[in-house]
N, C-alpha and C. Protein backbone atom coordinates (compact mmCIF):
# COMPACT_ATOMS: atom_id res chain seq x y z
N MET A 1 61.34 143.90 12.82
CA MET A 1 59.83 144.79 13.54
C MET A 1 60.26 145.98 14.26
N ALA A 2 59.34 146.80 14.13
CA ALA A 2 59.63 148.17 14.76
C ALA A 2 59.10 147.72 16.11
N PRO A 3 59.64 148.69 17.43
CA PRO A 3 59.25 148.07 18.62
C PRO A 3 57.59 148.28 18.73
N GLY A 4 57.22 149.42 18.09
CA GLY A 4 55.75 149.63 18.51
C GLY A 4 54.96 148.19 17.77
N HIS A 5 55.46 147.81 16.65
CA HIS A 5 54.96 146.62 15.87
C HIS A 5 55.11 145.26 17.19
N VAL A 6 55.80 145.31 17.76
CA VAL A 6 56.32 144.15 18.50
C VAL A 6 55.45 144.23 20.03
N ALA A 7 55.18 145.44 20.54
CA ALA A 7 54.43 145.80 21.05
C ALA A 7 53.22 145.36 20.86
N TYR A 8 52.82 146.00 19.90
CA TYR A 8 51.38 145.57 19.55
C TYR A 8 50.99 143.95 18.99
N GLY A 9 51.89 143.46 18.46
CA GLY A 9 51.52 141.82 18.54
C GLY A 9 51.63 141.20 19.96
N MET A 10 52.22 141.81 21.11
CA MET A 10 52.13 141.17 22.33
C MET A 10 50.68 141.73 22.82
N TYR A 11 50.68 142.59 22.63
CA TYR A 11 49.18 143.26 23.21
C TYR A 11 47.69 142.40 22.30
N ALA A 12 47.94 141.89 21.14
CA ALA A 12 47.01 141.58 20.31
C ALA A 12 46.80 140.12 20.23
N SER A 13 48.36 139.25 20.56
CA SER A 13 47.89 137.66 20.72
C SER A 13 48.21 137.37 22.18
N TYR A 14 48.65 137.75 23.33
CA TYR A 14 48.95 137.92 24.60
C TYR A 14 48.37 138.50 25.83
N GLY A 15 47.53 139.59 25.14
CA GLY A 15 47.02 140.86 26.02
C GLY A 15 47.79 141.14 27.30
N MET A 16 49.06 141.78 26.52
CA MET A 16 49.86 142.65 27.11
C MET A 16 49.71 144.26 27.13
N THR A 17 48.99 144.51 27.59
CA THR A 17 48.23 145.78 27.52
C THR A 17 49.01 146.85 28.07
N HIS A 18 49.71 146.42 29.18
CA HIS A 18 50.88 147.48 29.67
C HIS A 18 52.14 147.57 28.95
N VAL A 19 52.51 146.97 27.64
CA VAL A 19 53.52 146.72 27.05
C VAL A 19 53.64 147.62 26.04
N THR A 20 54.50 148.77 25.89
CA THR A 20 54.84 149.77 24.99
C THR A 20 55.86 149.64 23.94
N ALA A 21 56.02 150.43 23.12
CA ALA A 21 57.48 150.68 22.50
C ALA A 21 58.49 150.90 23.22
N ASP A 22 58.17 151.61 23.90
CA ASP A 22 59.06 152.35 24.83
C ASP A 22 60.00 150.85 25.73
N HIS A 23 59.04 150.02 26.48
CA HIS A 23 59.56 148.81 26.99
C HIS A 23 60.31 147.96 26.21
N ILE A 24 60.07 147.83 24.86
CA ILE A 24 60.69 147.03 23.85
C ILE A 24 62.40 147.66 23.66
N ILE A 25 61.87 148.90 23.34
CA ILE A 25 63.28 149.90 23.58
C ILE A 25 64.33 149.55 24.34
N ASN A 26 63.88 149.61 25.75
CA ASN A 26 64.63 149.14 26.72
C ASN A 26 65.08 147.96 27.41
N TRP A 27 64.37 147.12 26.85
CA TRP A 27 64.44 145.35 26.83
C TRP A 27 65.82 145.51 25.87
N GLU A 28 65.71 146.03 24.59
CA GLU A 28 66.69 145.79 23.46
C GLU A 28 68.07 146.54 24.22
N ARG A 29 68.23 147.67 24.75
CA ARG A 29 69.29 148.36 25.37
C ARG A 29 69.72 147.54 26.39
N GLY A 30 69.10 147.02 27.38
CA GLY A 30 69.47 146.04 28.35
C GLY A 30 69.22 147.12 29.82
N THR A 31 68.67 148.08 29.38
CA THR A 31 68.50 148.87 31.06
C THR A 31 67.39 148.43 31.42
N ALA A 32 66.29 147.58 30.99
CA ALA A 32 65.45 146.74 31.91
C ALA A 32 65.16 145.53 31.33
N HIS A 33 64.57 144.72 32.15
CA HIS A 33 64.52 143.16 32.03
C HIS A 33 62.92 142.83 31.90
N PRO A 34 62.46 142.14 30.87
CA PRO A 34 61.16 141.48 31.03
C PRO A 34 60.96 140.14 31.88
N SER A 35 59.92 140.36 32.29
CA SER A 35 59.29 139.17 33.33
C SER A 35 59.61 137.89 32.52
N ALA A 36 58.79 136.73 33.47
CA ALA A 36 59.13 135.54 32.72
C ALA A 36 57.75 135.72 31.73
N SER A 37 56.77 135.82 32.14
CA SER A 37 55.24 136.10 31.28
C SER A 37 55.68 137.07 29.89
N GLU A 38 56.58 138.07 30.17
CA GLU A 38 56.84 139.01 29.11
C GLU A 38 57.65 138.70 28.07
N LEU A 39 58.72 137.83 28.26
CA LEU A 39 59.60 137.21 27.53
C LEU A 39 58.96 136.38 26.75
N ALA A 40 58.12 135.23 27.44
CA ALA A 40 57.49 134.38 26.90
C ALA A 40 56.34 134.76 25.57
N ALA A 41 55.54 136.04 26.17
CA ALA A 41 54.81 136.71 24.80
C ALA A 41 55.83 137.55 23.86
N LEU A 42 57.05 138.19 24.31
CA LEU A 42 57.66 138.80 23.32
C LEU A 42 58.46 137.52 22.53
N ALA A 43 58.59 136.31 22.69
CA ALA A 43 59.32 135.58 22.15
C ALA A 43 58.37 134.84 20.98
N GLY A 44 57.07 134.66 21.81
CA GLY A 44 55.94 134.52 20.79
C GLY A 44 55.57 135.68 19.56
N ALA A 45 55.96 136.82 19.85
CA ALA A 45 55.69 138.04 18.83
C ALA A 45 56.81 137.87 17.86
N LEU A 46 57.96 137.39 18.47
CA LEU A 46 58.90 137.51 17.20
C LEU A 46 59.04 136.03 16.66
N TRP A 47 58.21 134.86 16.79
CA TRP A 47 58.33 133.81 16.62
C TRP A 47 59.77 133.22 16.74
N CYS A 48 60.13 133.08 17.90
CA CYS A 48 61.36 132.55 18.36
C CYS A 48 61.25 131.93 19.74
N ALA A 49 62.13 130.93 20.31
CA ALA A 49 62.08 130.51 21.41
C ALA A 49 62.78 131.84 22.54
N PRO A 50 62.44 131.71 23.70
CA PRO A 50 62.69 132.50 24.92
C PRO A 50 64.02 132.48 24.76
N SER A 51 64.91 131.37 24.81
CA SER A 51 66.27 130.98 24.78
C SER A 51 66.91 131.68 23.99
N GLN A 52 66.40 131.91 22.44
CA GLN A 52 66.99 132.87 21.43
C GLN A 52 66.98 134.16 21.70
N LEU A 53 66.54 134.76 22.33
CA LEU A 53 66.23 136.32 23.02
C LEU A 53 67.52 136.33 24.08
N ILE A 54 67.79 135.46 24.92
CA ILE A 54 68.64 135.83 26.02
C ILE A 54 69.99 135.32 25.51
N GLY A 55 70.52 134.22 24.54
CA GLY A 55 71.60 133.96 23.86
C GLY A 55 71.87 132.67 24.83
N ALA A 56 73.01 132.54 25.39
CA ALA A 56 73.77 131.60 26.35
C ALA A 56 73.79 132.18 27.87
N PRO A 57 72.46 131.74 28.50
CA PRO A 57 72.31 131.87 29.68
C PRO A 57 73.14 132.14 30.92
N ARG A 58 73.63 133.07 31.60
CA ARG A 58 74.81 133.20 32.54
C ARG A 58 74.63 133.44 33.78
N THR A 59 73.16 133.81 34.22
CA THR A 59 72.84 133.87 35.56
C THR A 59 71.65 132.78 35.77
N LEU A 60 71.54 132.51 37.13
CA LEU A 60 69.91 131.87 37.55
C LEU A 60 68.87 132.17 36.84
N ARG A 61 68.56 133.78 36.97
CA ARG A 61 67.30 133.97 36.23
C ARG A 61 67.38 134.04 34.87
N GLU A 62 68.68 134.04 34.24
CA GLU A 62 68.65 134.03 32.72
C GLU A 62 68.37 132.63 32.51
N HIS A 63 68.73 131.15 33.13
CA HIS A 63 68.52 130.22 33.35
C HIS A 63 66.59 130.12 33.15
N ARG A 64 66.44 130.60 34.25
CA ARG A 64 65.04 130.30 34.36
C ARG A 64 63.86 131.04 33.37
N LEU A 65 64.32 131.95 32.98
CA LEU A 65 63.40 132.70 31.69
C LEU A 65 63.87 132.24 30.30
N ALA A 66 64.99 131.59 30.17
CA ALA A 66 65.08 130.79 28.84
C ALA A 66 64.32 129.50 28.89
N ARG A 67 63.69 129.52 30.05
CA ARG A 67 63.14 127.82 30.01
C ARG A 67 61.30 128.47 30.30
N GLY A 68 61.06 129.66 30.40
CA GLY A 68 59.96 129.98 30.40
C GLY A 68 59.35 129.64 31.93
N LEU A 69 60.21 130.06 32.55
CA LEU A 69 59.49 129.38 34.01
C LEU A 69 59.24 130.67 34.99
N ALA A 70 58.49 130.58 35.50
CA ALA A 70 58.27 131.60 36.75
C ALA A 70 58.79 131.44 38.38
N VAL A 71 58.98 132.23 39.02
CA VAL A 71 59.54 132.13 40.14
C VAL A 71 59.11 130.96 41.01
N GLU A 72 57.85 131.10 41.03
CA GLU A 72 56.85 130.05 42.00
C GLU A 72 56.89 129.02 41.21
N ASP A 73 57.51 128.87 39.88
CA ASP A 73 57.54 127.28 39.44
C ASP A 73 58.95 126.94 40.21
N ILE A 74 60.12 127.83 40.34
CA ILE A 74 61.15 127.11 40.87
C ILE A 74 61.10 127.12 42.25
N ALA A 75 60.09 127.80 43.34
CA ALA A 75 60.06 127.26 44.47
C ALA A 75 59.02 126.37 44.66
N ARG A 76 58.40 126.17 43.97
CA ARG A 76 57.61 124.83 44.42
C ARG A 76 58.71 123.83 43.64
N ALA A 77 59.52 123.84 42.74
CA ALA A 77 60.03 122.49 42.34
C ALA A 77 61.30 122.16 43.66
N THR A 78 61.69 123.37 43.94
CA THR A 78 62.55 123.34 44.84
C THR A 78 62.04 122.73 46.81
N GLY A 79 61.26 123.42 46.61
CA GLY A 79 60.44 123.48 48.46
C GLY A 79 60.96 124.89 48.84
N LEU A 80 61.08 125.81 48.37
CA LEU A 80 61.91 126.79 48.76
C LEU A 80 60.50 127.71 49.00
N GLU A 81 60.45 128.88 49.92
CA GLU A 81 59.49 129.71 49.93
C GLU A 81 60.09 130.85 48.83
N VAL A 82 58.96 131.52 48.20
CA VAL A 82 59.01 132.24 46.98
C VAL A 82 60.23 133.62 47.40
N HIS A 83 60.28 134.16 48.54
CA HIS A 83 61.02 135.36 48.71
C HIS A 83 62.32 134.86 49.23
N ALA A 84 62.43 133.55 49.56
CA ALA A 84 63.46 132.91 50.05
C ALA A 84 64.39 132.75 48.58
N TYR A 85 63.81 131.94 47.45
CA TYR A 85 64.58 132.15 45.90
C TYR A 85 64.46 133.11 45.72
N LEU A 86 63.60 134.13 45.91
CA LEU A 86 63.96 135.53 44.76
C LEU A 86 65.32 135.68 45.38
N LEU A 87 65.26 136.13 46.96
CA LEU A 87 66.70 136.24 47.42
C LEU A 87 67.52 135.53 46.84
N MET A 88 68.10 134.49 46.98
CA MET A 88 69.26 133.51 46.12
C MET A 88 69.45 134.16 44.68
N GLU A 89 68.38 134.10 43.75
CA GLU A 89 68.30 134.72 42.66
C GLU A 89 69.03 136.10 42.27
N SER A 90 68.51 137.08 43.27
CA SER A 90 69.05 138.26 43.11
C SER A 90 70.63 138.42 43.64
N THR A 91 70.92 137.85 44.43
CA THR A 91 72.45 138.07 45.09
C THR A 91 73.08 136.73 44.28
N GLY A 92 72.85 135.86 43.62
CA GLY A 92 73.51 134.53 43.15
C GLY A 92 74.39 134.13 43.82
N GLU A 93 73.32 133.91 45.47
CA GLU A 93 74.28 133.15 46.35
C GLU A 93 73.25 131.95 46.44
N TRP A 94 73.75 130.85 46.13
CA TRP A 94 72.87 129.67 46.49
C TRP A 94 72.63 129.21 48.19
N ALA A 95 71.68 128.73 48.77
CA ALA A 95 71.89 128.49 49.96
C ALA A 95 71.18 127.24 50.10
N GLY A 96 70.60 126.69 49.05
CA GLY A 96 69.81 125.54 49.43
C GLY A 96 70.73 124.11 50.15
N ASN A 97 69.79 122.98 50.39
CA ASN A 97 70.59 122.10 50.78
C ASN A 97 70.96 120.94 49.60
N SER A 98 71.14 119.98 49.61
CA SER A 98 71.49 118.82 48.66
C SER A 98 70.48 118.58 47.76
N ARG A 99 69.19 118.41 48.44
CA ARG A 99 67.86 118.04 47.97
C ARG A 99 67.31 119.17 47.21
N GLN A 100 67.25 120.44 47.85
CA GLN A 100 67.26 121.45 46.62
C GLN A 100 67.90 121.84 45.94
N SER A 101 69.46 121.60 45.89
CA SER A 101 70.29 121.70 44.85
C SER A 101 69.78 120.89 43.59
N ALA A 102 69.77 119.45 44.06
CA ALA A 102 69.46 118.40 42.95
C ALA A 102 68.23 119.20 42.12
N ALA A 103 66.82 119.28 42.62
CA ALA A 103 65.92 119.78 42.34
C ALA A 103 65.91 120.89 41.48
N LEU A 104 66.80 121.87 41.83
CA LEU A 104 66.84 123.35 41.20
C LEU A 104 67.70 122.86 39.60
N ALA A 105 68.64 122.01 39.84
CA ALA A 105 69.41 121.33 38.85
C ALA A 105 68.77 120.73 37.66
N ALA A 106 67.35 120.07 38.32
CA ALA A 106 66.60 119.22 37.42
C ALA A 106 65.66 119.97 36.42
N VAL A 107 65.05 120.82 37.55
CA VAL A 107 63.92 121.78 36.72
C VAL A 107 64.42 122.88 35.95
N LEU A 108 65.83 123.19 36.13
CA LEU A 108 66.51 124.25 35.20
C LEU A 108 67.42 123.37 33.74
N THR A 109 67.35 122.19 34.28
CA THR A 109 68.10 121.26 33.25
C THR A 109 69.55 121.71 33.10
N LEU A 110 70.30 122.16 34.22
CA LEU A 110 71.27 122.72 34.25
C LEU A 110 72.52 121.51 34.55
N SER A 111 73.48 121.73 33.74
CA SER A 111 74.90 120.88 33.79
C SER A 111 75.45 121.20 35.08
N PRO A 112 76.55 120.22 35.49
CA PRO A 112 77.10 120.77 36.91
C PRO A 112 77.77 121.85 36.82
N ARG A 113 78.38 122.21 35.43
CA ARG A 113 79.10 123.53 35.25
C ARG A 113 78.26 124.73 35.52
N ASP A 114 77.17 124.61 34.82
CA ASP A 114 76.13 125.84 34.71
C ASP A 114 75.63 126.17 36.17
N PHE A 115 75.23 124.82 36.83
CA PHE A 115 74.91 125.09 38.17
C PHE A 115 76.07 125.63 39.18
N ILE A 116 77.08 125.28 39.29
CA ILE A 116 78.20 125.72 40.00
C ILE A 116 78.57 127.32 39.88
N THR A 117 78.11 127.64 38.22
CA THR A 117 78.16 129.20 38.01
C THR A 117 77.46 129.89 38.63
N VAL A 118 76.11 129.22 38.74
CA VAL A 118 74.87 130.22 38.38
C VAL A 118 74.94 130.87 39.69
N THR A 119 75.22 129.47 40.98
CA THR A 119 74.79 129.54 42.13
C THR A 119 76.16 130.10 42.99
N GLY A 120 77.03 130.89 42.15
CA GLY A 120 78.16 131.61 43.07
C GLY A 120 79.17 130.71 43.80
N LEU A 121 79.47 129.09 43.33
CA LEU A 121 80.04 128.30 43.98
C LEU A 121 81.17 127.75 43.46
N ASN A 122 81.49 128.46 42.42
CA ASN A 122 83.20 128.49 41.91
C ASN A 122 84.21 128.59 42.91
N GLY A 123 83.96 129.64 43.82
CA GLY A 123 85.20 129.13 44.93
C GLY A 123 85.37 128.22 46.14
N GLU A 124 84.16 127.67 46.29
CA GLU A 124 84.21 126.49 46.95
C GLU A 124 84.50 125.57 46.53
N LEU A 125 84.12 125.06 45.08
CA LEU A 125 84.53 124.12 44.31
C LEU A 125 86.17 123.96 44.39
N ALA A 126 86.44 125.51 43.71
CA ALA A 126 88.11 125.46 43.67
C ALA A 126 89.02 125.00 44.81
N GLU A 127 88.48 125.35 45.73
CA GLU A 127 89.23 125.07 47.38
C GLU A 127 89.49 123.77 47.53
N LEU A 128 87.94 122.65 47.07
CA LEU A 128 87.84 121.72 47.09
C LEU A 128 89.11 120.91 46.35
N LEU A 129 88.94 121.46 44.91
CA LEU A 129 89.72 120.93 43.92
C LEU A 129 91.32 121.00 44.18
N HIS A 130 91.82 122.02 44.84
CA HIS A 130 92.89 122.33 45.09
C HIS A 130 93.57 121.04 46.43
N ASP A 131 92.70 121.22 47.02
CA ASP A 131 92.91 120.02 48.48
C ASP A 131 92.91 118.48 47.85
N ALA A 132 92.02 118.33 46.88
CA ALA A 132 91.64 117.11 46.34
C ALA A 132 93.65 117.08 45.73
N VAL A 133 94.10 117.88 44.75
CA VAL A 133 95.00 116.99 43.82
C VAL A 133 96.17 117.50 44.66
N SER A 134 96.24 118.24 46.03
CA SER A 134 97.54 118.09 46.86
C SER A 134 97.46 117.45 48.06
N THR A 135 96.52 116.65 48.39
CA THR A 135 96.71 115.92 49.35
C THR A 135 96.12 114.04 48.60
N ARG A 136 95.11 113.62 49.67
CA ARG A 136 94.56 112.47 48.90
C ARG A 136 93.30 112.82 48.48
N TRP A 137 93.22 112.68 46.88
CA TRP A 137 91.79 112.84 46.09
C TRP A 137 90.56 112.35 46.61
N GLN A 138 90.85 110.83 47.28
CA GLN A 138 89.77 110.21 47.43
C GLN A 138 88.68 110.63 48.54
N ALA A 139 89.64 111.47 49.46
CA ALA A 139 88.55 112.19 50.43
C ALA A 139 87.96 113.19 50.17
N HIS A 140 87.93 113.70 48.87
CA HIS A 140 87.13 114.57 48.53
C HIS A 140 86.26 114.56 47.26
N THR A 141 86.08 112.96 47.04
CA THR A 141 84.90 112.70 46.15
C THR A 141 83.74 113.17 46.85
N ARG A 142 83.11 112.98 47.97
CA ARG A 142 82.29 112.98 48.47
C ARG A 142 81.95 114.41 48.47
N PRO A 143 82.45 115.32 49.11
CA PRO A 143 82.08 116.56 49.59
C PRO A 143 81.83 117.43 47.83
N ILE A 144 82.71 117.12 47.29
CA ILE A 144 82.40 117.34 45.70
C ILE A 144 81.27 116.76 45.11
N ALA A 145 80.97 115.55 45.03
CA ALA A 145 79.83 115.03 44.76
C ALA A 145 78.77 115.89 45.41
N ARG A 146 78.90 115.67 46.48
CA ARG A 146 77.53 116.76 47.27
C ARG A 146 77.11 117.92 46.88
N LEU A 147 78.42 118.90 46.40
CA LEU A 147 78.12 120.35 45.66
C LEU A 147 77.60 120.23 44.50
N LEU A 148 78.07 119.47 43.47
CA LEU A 148 77.88 119.16 42.44
C LEU A 148 76.39 118.61 42.01
N SER A 149 75.89 117.72 43.25
CA SER A 149 74.96 116.67 42.94
C SER A 149 74.85 115.78 41.66
N VAL A 150 76.35 115.27 42.00
CA VAL A 150 76.36 114.08 40.90
C VAL A 150 76.90 112.98 41.79
N ASP A 151 76.70 111.94 41.08
CA ASP A 151 77.35 110.59 41.74
C ASP A 151 78.94 110.78 41.94
N ARG A 152 79.21 110.10 43.02
CA ARG A 152 80.74 110.27 42.94
C ARG A 152 81.40 109.09 42.36
N LYS A 153 80.95 108.06 41.68
CA LYS A 153 81.77 107.56 40.45
C LYS A 153 81.85 108.23 39.37
N GLU A 154 81.18 109.25 39.25
CA GLU A 154 81.73 109.99 38.01
C GLU A 154 82.81 111.06 38.12
N LEU A 155 83.48 111.14 39.25
CA LEU A 155 84.15 112.09 39.76
C LEU A 155 86.09 111.38 40.12
N SER A 156 85.83 109.82 40.00
CA SER A 156 86.87 109.19 40.41
C SER A 156 88.05 109.32 39.53
N GLY A 157 87.56 109.25 37.87
CA GLY A 157 88.77 109.52 36.88
C GLY A 157 88.74 110.59 36.69
N PRO A 158 88.52 111.83 36.99
CA PRO A 158 88.85 113.24 36.73
C PRO A 158 90.03 113.20 37.99
N LEU A 159 89.27 113.34 39.18
CA LEU A 159 89.93 113.54 40.27
C LEU A 159 91.47 112.85 40.19
N ARG A 160 91.16 111.57 39.74
CA ARG A 160 92.79 110.79 40.07
C ARG A 160 93.74 111.19 38.78
N GLU A 161 93.27 111.60 37.95
CA GLU A 161 93.90 112.07 36.75
C GLU A 161 94.48 113.59 36.74
N MET A 162 93.61 114.60 37.63
CA MET A 162 93.92 115.70 38.00
C MET A 162 95.48 115.36 39.41
N HIS A 163 94.88 114.70 40.16
CA HIS A 163 95.99 114.47 41.02
C HIS A 163 97.42 114.05 40.56
N GLN A 164 97.04 113.28 39.69
CA GLN A 164 98.57 112.89 39.04
C GLN A 164 99.25 114.08 38.13
N GLU A 165 98.42 114.73 37.68
CA GLU A 165 99.06 115.62 36.96
C GLU A 165 99.92 116.79 37.76
N TYR A 166 99.22 116.81 38.84
CA TYR A 166 99.70 118.39 39.72
C TYR A 166 100.59 117.86 40.32
N GLN A 167 100.51 116.40 40.52
CA GLN A 167 102.18 115.77 41.57
C GLN A 167 103.13 115.62 40.49
N ALA A 168 102.94 115.23 39.20
CA ALA A 168 103.79 115.21 38.54
C ALA A 168 104.52 116.58 38.22
N LEU A 169 103.86 117.84 38.39
CA LEU A 169 104.47 118.87 38.07
C LEU A 169 105.13 119.15 39.04
N MET A 170 104.35 119.01 40.29
CA MET A 170 105.16 119.41 41.64
C MET A 170 106.97 118.76 41.57
N ALA A 171 106.79 117.33 41.33
CA ALA A 171 107.91 116.51 41.20
C ALA A 171 108.90 116.90 40.37
N ALA A 172 108.46 117.34 38.78
CA ALA A 172 109.51 117.54 38.14
C ALA A 172 109.90 119.24 37.94
N THR A 173 109.25 119.84 38.73
CA THR A 173 109.52 121.39 38.96
C THR A 173 110.68 121.08 40.08
N LEU A 174 110.44 120.48 40.74
CA LEU A 174 111.39 120.40 42.28
C LEU A 174 112.62 119.82 41.86
N SER A 175 112.59 118.86 40.92
CA SER A 175 113.69 118.65 40.54
C SER A 175 114.35 119.17 39.94
N ARG A 176 113.71 120.03 38.97
CA ARG A 176 114.64 120.64 37.69
C ARG A 176 115.46 122.15 38.74
N ALA A 177 114.59 122.14 39.91
CA ALA A 177 115.12 123.74 40.30
C ALA A 177 115.47 123.34 41.70
N GLY A 178 115.83 122.36 42.11
CA GLY A 178 116.54 122.04 43.67
C GLY A 178 115.36 122.61 44.43
N GLY A 179 114.17 122.64 44.27
CA GLY A 179 112.92 122.86 45.28
C GLY A 179 113.15 124.67 45.77
N SER A 180 113.60 125.38 44.76
CA SER A 180 113.83 127.14 44.85
C SER A 180 112.30 127.17 45.13
N SER A 181 111.99 128.58 45.67
CA SER A 181 110.53 129.35 45.56
C SER A 181 109.97 129.02 43.59
N ALA A 182 110.60 129.43 42.86
CA ALA A 182 110.27 129.44 41.49
C ALA A 182 109.71 128.25 41.03
N SER A 183 110.36 126.98 41.68
CA SER A 183 110.01 125.76 40.87
C SER A 183 108.45 125.57 41.20
N GLY A 184 107.85 126.18 42.05
CA GLY A 184 106.16 126.02 42.02
C GLY A 184 105.39 126.58 41.04
N ALA A 185 105.99 127.54 40.12
CA ALA A 185 105.28 128.34 39.24
C ALA A 185 104.33 127.54 38.36
N ALA A 186 104.88 126.13 37.67
CA ALA A 186 104.10 125.03 37.03
C ALA A 186 102.66 124.93 37.92
N GLY A 187 103.19 124.12 38.93
CA GLY A 187 101.82 123.98 40.23
C GLY A 187 101.04 124.71 40.24
N GLN A 188 101.37 126.61 40.61
CA GLN A 188 100.68 127.49 40.85
C GLN A 188 99.50 127.68 39.74
N ARG A 189 100.40 127.64 38.37
CA ARG A 189 99.45 127.99 37.21
C ARG A 189 98.44 126.87 37.14
N TYR A 190 98.73 125.84 37.66
CA TYR A 190 97.84 124.48 37.82
C TYR A 190 96.65 124.64 38.56
N LEU A 191 96.75 125.40 39.46
CA LEU A 191 95.81 125.47 40.76
C LEU A 191 94.88 126.56 40.08
N GLU A 192 95.69 127.75 39.34
CA GLU A 192 94.87 128.79 38.96
C GLU A 192 93.87 128.58 38.16
N GLU A 193 93.99 127.40 37.30
CA GLU A 193 93.17 126.81 36.32
C GLU A 193 92.53 125.66 36.41
N ILE A 194 92.15 125.52 37.92
CA ILE A 194 92.01 124.04 38.09
C ILE A 194 90.75 123.75 37.85
N LEU A 195 89.69 124.71 38.00
CA LEU A 195 88.21 124.67 37.35
C LEU A 195 88.18 124.29 35.80
N ASP A 196 89.14 124.88 34.77
CA ASP A 196 89.06 124.53 33.86
C ASP A 196 89.27 122.99 33.68
N HIS A 197 90.33 122.98 34.17
CA HIS A 197 90.98 121.43 34.27
C HIS A 197 89.78 120.38 34.32
N PHE A 198 89.18 120.72 35.91
CA PHE A 198 88.27 120.21 36.15
C PHE A 198 87.09 119.68 35.08
N TRP A 199 86.61 121.04 34.50
CA TRP A 199 85.31 120.73 33.81
C TRP A 199 85.80 120.11 32.47
N SER A 200 86.78 119.92 32.09
CA SER A 200 87.29 119.48 30.65
C SER A 200 87.50 118.03 30.88
N LYS A 201 87.85 117.21 32.15
CA LYS A 201 87.84 115.99 32.21
C LYS A 201 86.47 115.37 32.69
N LEU A 202 85.19 116.30 33.07
CA LEU A 202 84.23 115.32 33.58
C LEU A 202 84.03 114.58 32.42
N PRO A 203 83.28 113.59 32.08
CA PRO A 203 82.44 112.91 31.06
C PRO A 203 81.48 113.61 30.29
N PRO A 204 81.08 113.52 28.90
CA PRO A 204 80.52 114.45 28.26
C PRO A 204 79.11 114.39 28.89
N SER A 205 78.65 113.34 29.24
CA SER A 205 76.95 113.18 29.74
C SER A 205 77.28 114.24 30.99
N GLN A 206 77.92 114.67 31.56
CA GLN A 206 77.79 115.77 32.31
C GLN A 206 77.80 117.06 31.87
C-alpha cells in the first residue's frame, strides 16, 4: 500500500484525520514515531498486530507500544504519576520500587531479561553477579531476586553453577600460570560475559 492509501485507511476506519502520507513516510524512515493510538490504527489499516510493525521491542516505549498500551495505562498499573513514568521511559532509567517493578513486568509481560534491559539495570545486575561468583553466592540471591522481581528459589541453581564455573577457572589458571597476572585472563573473560552466562542458566520459564 502506498503511504497515501495507508493514511486514508487510518482516517476512514479510525478517524485519524491528522495523519497524512508524510506521517507514514516519516514513520517508515524512523525520523518520527507514532503514538500508541496511531500505532494501533496503523496496524489495523495494515491488517497486522502492532508488534509486527515494531519488530523485537528493545526499549520500554517499544514494549508499551507493541502491546497497544498508553502511558496512562502503565502509570495506573504501576502506581506512578504519568510525568514520572514518562521521564523513566524517555531516559531509560527505571527508578520504581520493587512493587512497581513487579507491576511493570506484569503489565508489559516482560521476561526478567527484557525487564533488566529496558530499565537500564544491566550494569547493576552485572556488579551483583560479579560479587556472587567471586565471593559467597548465597549472600547475593536476595538482592538479585529483588532486582529481577523473581523468586529467590529460581536463582539458587544458576548462581551456584556460575560460582563453581568461575572458581574452577581461577583455580585452573592459577595452577597453570603460577599465579601470574596473565593467569586471570579466562576469569576476566567470564566476568565480561557474565550476563550472557546468567541468562543462559535461568529456567526456560523465566
